[in-house]
Amino acid sequence: MSDVQKILNFFDGIGLSYQLTELSEKSFLPGIEIEAGGLNIDLEKLKYPGDLLHEAGHIAVTAAHDRPKLSGDMKDLGHTGAEETAAIAWSYAACKHLNFAPELVFHPQGYRGAADNLISAFETGGGFGFPLLSY
């Protein structure tokens, strides 16, 4: 089973809404956009499967009653560093739950060159955002 299919099965299991579709516009992350609290995924344009977990993290850390309002770039919707931090922690937790290497989420082309630092922090128990997940 491919990494993408394993992630989609996970989304099905937790009730995270997504649809496979062609994206005509450039999205914040290649092949993924958040629309009305769900993910639109263009498998032809998707470059990094771990980005699916990160974007899903934004949805997951948003209160259920606010999720339908999520569309586009989360910064434009008022997501702050706290929500970003929580989404990163959620994506790492999901990655571990799915038995993926952390490099799936923290790939070298993401996180402004800090992927190795994030891997080191989370793998040694010094990651961040976990209290926000509990909240």
N, C-alpha and C. Protein backbone atom coordinates (compact mmCIF):
# COMPACT_ATOMS: atom_id res chain seq x y z
N MET A 1 0.85 -1.17 0.00
CA MET A 1 0.00 0.00 0.00
C MET A 1 0.90 1.25 0.00
N SER A 2 0.54 2.20 -0.83
CA SER A 2 1.34 3.42 -0.91
C SER A 2 1.16 4.28 0.35
N ASP A 3 2.11 5.18 0.57
CA ASP A 3 2.02 6.10 1.70
C ASP A 3 0.74 6.92 1.62
N VAL A 4 0.42 7.40 0.41
CA VAL A 4 -0.77 8.22 0.23
C VAL A 4 -2.02 7.42 0.59
N GLN A 5 -2.11 6.19 0.13
CA GLN A 5 -3.30 5.39 0.43
C GLN A 5 -3.41 5.11 1.92
N LYS A 6 -2.29 4.88 2.58
CA LYS A 6 -2.30 4.67 4.02
C LYS A 6 -2.81 5.92 4.75
N ILE A 7 -2.38 7.09 4.28
CA ILE A 7 -2.84 8.35 4.86
C ILE A 7 -4.34 8.54 4.61
N LEU A 8 -4.80 8.26 3.40
CA LEU A 8 -6.22 8.41 3.10
C LEU A 8 -7.06 7.45 3.93
N ASN A 9 -6.58 6.24 4.13
CA ASN A 9 -7.29 5.29 5.00
C ASN A 9 -7.37 5.83 6.43
N PHE A 10 -6.30 6.45 6.89
CA PHE A 10 -6.28 7.07 8.21
C PHE A 10 -7.34 8.18 8.28
N PHE A 11 -7.39 9.03 7.25
CA PHE A 11 -8.40 10.09 7.22
C PHE A 11 -9.80 9.50 7.28
N ASP A 12 -10.03 8.43 6.53
CA ASP A 12 -11.34 7.76 6.58
C ASP A 12 -11.65 7.31 8.00
N GLY A 13 -10.66 6.75 8.67
CA GLY A 13 -10.85 6.22 10.02
C GLY A 13 -11.15 7.28 11.07
N ILE A 14 -10.62 8.49 10.87
CA ILE A 14 -10.86 9.55 11.85
C ILE A 14 -11.96 10.51 11.40
N GLY A 15 -12.52 10.27 10.23
CA GLY A 15 -13.61 11.11 9.74
C GLY A 15 -13.18 12.45 9.19
N LEU A 16 -11.94 12.54 8.72
CA LEU A 16 -11.47 13.79 8.13
C LEU A 16 -11.90 13.82 6.66
N SER A 17 -12.61 14.84 6.28
CA SER A 17 -13.17 14.95 4.95
C SER A 17 -12.09 15.29 3.91
N TYR A 18 -12.15 14.59 2.79
CA TYR A 18 -11.25 14.89 1.68
C TYR A 18 -11.92 14.44 0.38
N GLN A 19 -11.43 14.99 -0.70
CA GLN A 19 -11.84 14.50 -2.01
C GLN A 19 -10.65 14.56 -2.95
N LEU A 20 -10.58 13.56 -3.80
CA LEU A 20 -9.55 13.52 -4.84
C LEU A 20 -10.11 14.27 -6.04
N THR A 21 -9.39 15.29 -6.46
CA THR A 21 -9.88 16.15 -7.52
C THR A 21 -8.71 16.80 -8.24
N GLU A 22 -8.98 17.37 -9.38
CA GLU A 22 -7.96 18.13 -10.09
C GLU A 22 -8.00 19.56 -9.58
N LEU A 23 -6.85 20.08 -9.20
CA LEU A 23 -6.75 21.46 -8.75
C LEU A 23 -6.23 22.30 -9.91
N SER A 24 -6.99 23.29 -10.30
CA SER A 24 -6.59 24.11 -11.44
C SER A 24 -5.71 25.27 -11.03
N GLU A 25 -5.86 25.73 -9.80
CA GLU A 25 -5.07 26.85 -9.32
C GLU A 25 -3.87 26.37 -8.51
N LYS A 26 -2.87 27.24 -8.43
CA LYS A 26 -1.72 26.93 -7.59
C LYS A 26 -2.16 26.98 -6.13
N SER A 27 -1.80 25.97 -5.39
CA SER A 27 -2.18 25.91 -3.98
C SER A 27 -0.96 26.20 -3.11
N PHE A 28 -1.22 26.47 -1.82
CA PHE A 28 -0.14 26.78 -0.89
C PHE A 28 0.89 25.66 -0.86
N LEU A 29 0.43 24.42 -0.79
CA LEU A 29 1.31 23.25 -0.90
C LEU A 29 0.90 22.48 -2.16
N PRO A 30 1.86 22.00 -2.93
CA PRO A 30 1.52 21.35 -4.19
C PRO A 30 0.53 20.19 -4.03
N GLY A 31 -0.59 20.31 -4.77
CA GLY A 31 -1.56 19.23 -4.81
C GLY A 31 -2.53 19.16 -3.65
N ILE A 32 -2.53 20.17 -2.78
CA ILE A 32 -3.41 20.14 -1.60
C ILE A 32 -4.00 21.52 -1.37
N GLU A 33 -5.29 21.55 -1.08
CA GLU A 33 -5.90 22.79 -0.60
C GLU A 33 -6.97 22.43 0.43
N ILE A 34 -7.12 23.34 1.36
CA ILE A 34 -8.18 23.20 2.36
C ILE A 34 -9.37 24.00 1.86
N GLU A 35 -10.53 23.35 1.85
CA GLU A 35 -11.75 24.02 1.43
C GLU A 35 -12.90 23.54 2.30
N ALA A 36 -13.57 24.50 2.91
CA ALA A 36 -14.75 24.23 3.74
C ALA A 36 -14.48 23.14 4.78
N GLY A 37 -13.29 23.16 5.36
CA GLY A 37 -12.96 22.23 6.43
C GLY A 37 -12.55 20.85 5.99
N GLY A 38 -12.32 20.67 4.72
CA GLY A 38 -11.85 19.38 4.19
C GLY A 38 -10.67 19.60 3.27
N LEU A 39 -10.10 18.52 2.81
CA LEU A 39 -8.94 18.60 1.91
C LEU A 39 -9.36 18.26 0.48
N ASN A 40 -8.91 19.08 -0.45
CA ASN A 40 -8.95 18.74 -1.86
C ASN A 40 -7.54 18.29 -2.22
N ILE A 41 -7.45 17.12 -2.83
CA ILE A 41 -6.15 16.52 -3.11
C ILE A 41 -6.05 16.19 -4.59
N ASP A 42 -5.03 16.73 -5.23
CA ASP A 42 -4.72 16.43 -6.62
C ASP A 42 -3.50 15.51 -6.63
N LEU A 43 -3.74 14.23 -6.83
CA LEU A 43 -2.65 13.24 -6.76
C LEU A 43 -1.58 13.48 -7.81
N GLU A 44 -1.94 14.07 -8.93
CA GLU A 44 -0.96 14.36 -9.98
C GLU A 44 0.00 15.47 -9.58
N LYS A 45 -0.47 16.40 -8.76
CA LYS A 45 0.35 17.55 -8.36
C LYS A 45 0.98 17.39 -6.97
N LEU A 46 0.51 16.41 -6.21
CA LEU A 46 1.03 16.19 -4.86
C LEU A 46 2.50 15.80 -4.93
N LYS A 47 3.35 16.56 -4.25
CA LYS A 47 4.79 16.27 -4.25
C LYS A 47 5.23 15.53 -3.00
N TYR A 48 4.67 15.87 -1.85
CA TYR A 48 5.13 15.32 -0.58
C TYR A 48 3.94 14.80 0.22
N PRO A 49 3.76 13.48 0.27
CA PRO A 49 2.61 12.91 0.99
C PRO A 49 2.49 13.37 2.43
N GLY A 50 3.60 13.64 3.10
CA GLY A 50 3.55 14.11 4.47
C GLY A 50 2.85 15.45 4.62
N ASP A 51 2.83 16.25 3.54
CA ASP A 51 2.12 17.52 3.59
C ASP A 51 0.63 17.32 3.82
N LEU A 52 0.11 16.15 3.41
CA LEU A 52 -1.30 15.84 3.69
C LEU A 52 -1.55 15.82 5.19
N LEU A 53 -0.62 15.24 5.94
CA LEU A 53 -0.78 15.18 7.39
C LEU A 53 -0.68 16.57 8.01
N HIS A 54 0.21 17.38 7.50
CA HIS A 54 0.33 18.73 8.06
C HIS A 54 -0.95 19.53 7.83
N GLU A 55 -1.45 19.52 6.62
CA GLU A 55 -2.67 20.28 6.33
C GLU A 55 -3.86 19.71 7.09
N ALA A 56 -3.92 18.39 7.22
CA ALA A 56 -4.98 17.77 8.03
C ALA A 56 -4.85 18.22 9.48
N GLY A 57 -3.62 18.42 9.94
CA GLY A 57 -3.40 18.91 11.29
C GLY A 57 -4.06 20.25 11.53
N HIS A 58 -4.04 21.12 10.54
CA HIS A 58 -4.71 22.41 10.69
C HIS A 58 -6.21 22.22 10.92
N ILE A 59 -6.78 21.29 10.20
CA ILE A 59 -8.21 21.01 10.37
C ILE A 59 -8.46 20.39 11.74
N ALA A 60 -7.63 19.42 12.09
CA ALA A 60 -7.83 18.68 13.34
C ALA A 60 -7.71 19.55 14.58
N VAL A 61 -6.85 20.57 14.56
CA VAL A 61 -6.65 21.39 15.75
C VAL A 61 -7.61 22.58 15.81
N THR A 62 -8.50 22.66 14.85
CA THR A 62 -9.52 23.71 14.84
C THR A 62 -10.80 23.14 15.45
N ALA A 63 -11.45 23.94 16.27
CA ALA A 63 -12.70 23.51 16.89
C ALA A 63 -13.68 23.04 15.81
N ALA A 64 -14.38 21.95 16.08
CA ALA A 64 -15.27 21.33 15.10
C ALA A 64 -16.26 22.33 14.51
N HIS A 65 -16.79 23.23 15.33
CA HIS A 65 -17.78 24.18 14.81
C HIS A 65 -17.16 25.24 13.90
N ASP A 66 -15.84 25.41 13.95
CA ASP A 66 -15.15 26.37 13.08
C ASP A 66 -14.57 25.74 11.83
N ARG A 67 -14.50 24.43 11.75
CA ARG A 67 -13.86 23.77 10.60
C ARG A 67 -14.50 24.12 9.27
N PRO A 68 -15.83 24.20 9.16
CA PRO A 68 -16.40 24.54 7.85
C PRO A 68 -15.95 25.90 7.31
N LYS A 69 -15.44 26.77 8.19
CA LYS A 69 -14.97 28.09 7.77
C LYS A 69 -13.55 28.05 7.19
N LEU A 70 -12.87 26.91 7.32
CA LEU A 70 -11.48 26.80 6.86
C LEU A 70 -11.43 26.62 5.35
N SER A 71 -10.80 27.56 4.68
CA SER A 71 -10.55 27.47 3.24
C SER A 71 -9.34 28.33 2.92
N GLY A 72 -8.46 27.81 2.08
CA GLY A 72 -7.31 28.58 1.65
C GLY A 72 -6.14 28.50 2.61
N ASP A 73 -5.36 29.58 2.63
CA ASP A 73 -4.16 29.67 3.46
C ASP A 73 -4.59 29.97 4.90
N MET A 74 -4.14 29.16 5.82
CA MET A 74 -4.55 29.32 7.22
C MET A 74 -4.12 30.65 7.82
N LYS A 75 -3.02 31.21 7.35
CA LYS A 75 -2.58 32.52 7.85
C LYS A 75 -3.62 33.60 7.52
N ASP A 76 -4.26 33.46 6.36
CA ASP A 76 -5.28 34.42 5.96
C ASP A 76 -6.54 34.30 6.81
N LEU A 77 -6.69 33.18 7.52
CA LEU A 77 -7.87 32.95 8.36
C LEU A 77 -7.60 33.24 9.83
N GLY A 78 -6.43 33.78 10.11
CA GLY A 78 -6.12 34.14 11.48
C GLY A 78 -5.42 33.06 12.29
N HIS A 79 -5.03 31.96 11.64
CA HIS A 79 -4.26 30.96 12.38
C HIS A 79 -2.92 31.59 12.77
N THR A 80 -2.58 31.44 14.02
CA THR A 80 -1.37 32.05 14.56
C THR A 80 -0.29 30.99 14.72
N GLY A 81 0.79 31.38 15.35
CA GLY A 81 1.86 30.43 15.64
C GLY A 81 1.39 29.28 16.50
N ALA A 82 0.43 29.52 17.37
CA ALA A 82 -0.09 28.45 18.23
C ALA A 82 -0.75 27.35 17.40
N GLU A 83 -1.60 27.74 16.45
CA GLU A 83 -2.25 26.74 15.60
C GLU A 83 -1.24 26.03 14.69
N GLU A 84 -0.25 26.79 14.22
CA GLU A 84 0.79 26.17 13.38
C GLU A 84 1.58 25.16 14.19
N THR A 85 1.93 25.53 15.41
CA THR A 85 2.67 24.64 16.30
C THR A 85 1.87 23.38 16.58
N ALA A 86 0.59 23.55 16.87
CA ALA A 86 -0.27 22.40 17.14
C ALA A 86 -0.42 21.52 15.91
N ALA A 87 -0.54 22.12 14.73
CA ALA A 87 -0.66 21.35 13.48
C ALA A 87 0.61 20.54 13.23
N ILE A 88 1.76 21.12 13.53
CA ILE A 88 3.03 20.40 13.35
C ILE A 88 3.09 19.22 14.32
N ALA A 89 2.73 19.46 15.57
CA ALA A 89 2.73 18.37 16.55
C ALA A 89 1.73 17.28 16.17
N TRP A 90 0.55 17.67 15.70
CA TRP A 90 -0.46 16.70 15.28
C TRP A 90 0.06 15.87 14.11
N SER A 91 0.69 16.53 13.14
CA SER A 91 1.19 15.79 11.97
C SER A 91 2.28 14.80 12.37
N TYR A 92 3.12 15.19 13.32
CA TYR A 92 4.15 14.26 13.81
C TYR A 92 3.50 13.08 14.52
N ALA A 93 2.51 13.35 15.38
CA ALA A 93 1.82 12.28 16.09
C ALA A 93 1.12 11.33 15.11
N ALA A 94 0.50 11.88 14.08
CA ALA A 94 -0.15 11.05 13.06
C ALA A 94 0.89 10.22 12.31
N CYS A 95 2.01 10.83 12.01
CA CYS A 95 3.11 10.14 11.32
C CYS A 95 3.57 8.93 12.15
N LYS A 96 3.77 9.14 13.44
CA LYS A 96 4.19 8.04 14.32
C LYS A 96 3.10 6.97 14.43
N HIS A 97 1.84 7.40 14.53
CA HIS A 97 0.72 6.47 14.59
C HIS A 97 0.69 5.55 13.37
N LEU A 98 1.04 6.12 12.22
CA LEU A 98 1.02 5.37 10.96
C LEU A 98 2.32 4.62 10.70
N ASN A 99 3.26 4.70 11.64
CA ASN A 99 4.56 4.02 11.52
C ASN A 99 5.39 4.50 10.34
N PHE A 100 5.30 5.80 10.05
CA PHE A 100 6.14 6.39 9.03
C PHE A 100 7.38 6.98 9.69
N ALA A 101 8.44 7.08 8.94
CA ALA A 101 9.63 7.80 9.41
C ALA A 101 9.26 9.28 9.49
N PRO A 102 9.84 10.03 10.42
CA PRO A 102 9.50 11.45 10.56
C PRO A 102 9.83 12.26 9.31
N GLU A 103 10.72 11.75 8.48
CA GLU A 103 11.08 12.46 7.25
C GLU A 103 9.89 12.57 6.29
N LEU A 104 8.88 11.74 6.48
CA LEU A 104 7.70 11.86 5.62
C LEU A 104 7.04 13.22 5.82
N VAL A 105 6.92 13.63 7.07
CA VAL A 105 6.32 14.94 7.37
C VAL A 105 7.37 16.03 7.29
N PHE A 106 8.52 15.81 7.90
CA PHE A 106 9.58 16.81 7.95
C PHE A 106 10.58 16.57 6.82
N HIS A 107 10.12 16.77 5.60
CA HIS A 107 10.98 16.55 4.43
C HIS A 107 11.87 17.77 4.18
N PRO A 108 12.99 17.57 3.51
CA PRO A 108 13.97 18.66 3.34
C PRO A 108 13.44 19.89 2.60
N GLN A 109 12.39 19.74 1.81
CA GLN A 109 11.86 20.88 1.06
C GLN A 109 10.85 21.70 1.87
N GLY A 110 10.57 21.29 3.09
CA GLY A 110 9.60 22.01 3.91
C GLY A 110 10.22 22.66 5.12
N TYR A 111 9.42 23.42 5.81
CA TYR A 111 9.80 23.99 7.10
C TYR A 111 11.02 24.91 7.02
N ARG A 112 11.14 25.59 5.91
CA ARG A 112 12.19 26.61 5.72
C ARG A 112 13.57 26.11 6.10
N GLY A 113 13.86 24.89 5.72
CA GLY A 113 15.18 24.33 5.96
C GLY A 113 15.41 23.79 7.36
N ALA A 114 14.36 23.76 8.18
CA ALA A 114 14.51 23.32 9.57
C ALA A 114 14.03 21.89 9.80
N ALA A 115 13.84 21.12 8.74
CA ALA A 115 13.31 19.76 8.87
C ALA A 115 14.19 18.91 9.78
N ASP A 116 15.49 18.95 9.61
CA ASP A 116 16.39 18.14 10.45
C ASP A 116 16.28 18.53 11.92
N ASN A 117 16.16 19.83 12.19
CA ASN A 117 16.01 20.29 13.57
C ASN A 117 14.69 19.79 14.17
N LEU A 118 13.63 19.81 13.38
CA LEU A 118 12.34 19.33 13.87
C LEU A 118 12.39 17.83 14.16
N ILE A 119 13.01 17.09 13.26
CA ILE A 119 13.14 15.64 13.48
C ILE A 119 13.89 15.38 14.77
N SER A 120 15.01 16.06 14.95
CA SER A 120 15.81 15.88 16.16
C SER A 120 15.00 16.22 17.40
N ALA A 121 14.29 17.34 17.36
CA ALA A 121 13.51 17.76 18.53
C ALA A 121 12.41 16.76 18.86
N PHE A 122 11.64 16.35 17.89
CA PHE A 122 10.53 15.44 18.16
C PHE A 122 11.00 14.03 18.49
N GLU A 123 12.03 13.57 17.84
CA GLU A 123 12.50 12.20 18.07
C GLU A 123 13.19 12.04 19.42
N THR A 124 13.67 13.15 19.99
CA THR A 124 14.33 13.06 21.30
C THR A 124 13.40 13.52 22.43
N GLY A 125 12.13 13.72 22.13
CA GLY A 125 11.16 14.09 23.15
C GLY A 125 11.12 15.57 23.45
N GLY A 126 11.83 16.36 22.69
CA GLY A 126 11.85 17.81 22.92
C GLY A 126 10.97 18.57 21.97
N GLY A 127 10.04 17.88 21.33
CA GLY A 127 9.15 18.55 20.38
C GLY A 127 8.25 19.54 21.10
N PHE A 128 7.49 20.27 20.33
CA PHE A 128 6.64 21.31 20.89
C PHE A 128 5.19 21.07 20.46
N GLY A 129 4.30 21.79 21.08
CA GLY A 129 2.91 21.78 20.66
C GLY A 129 2.02 20.74 21.34
N PHE A 130 2.61 19.82 22.08
CA PHE A 130 1.79 18.77 22.68
C PHE A 130 0.76 19.30 23.67
N PRO A 131 1.08 20.29 24.50
CA PRO A 131 0.04 20.83 25.39
C PRO A 131 -1.15 21.41 24.62
N LEU A 132 -0.86 22.00 23.44
CA LEU A 132 -1.94 22.54 22.63
C LEU A 132 -2.84 21.43 22.10
N LEU A 133 -2.27 20.26 21.83
CA LEU A 133 -3.09 19.14 21.36
C LEU A 133 -4.01 18.68 22.47
N SER A 134 -3.53 18.66 23.69
CA SER A 134 -4.35 18.26 24.82
C SER A 134 -5.50 19.25 25.03
N TYR A 135 -5.19 20.53 24.83
CA TYR A 135 -6.19 21.57 25.00
C TYR A 135 -7.30 21.40 23.99
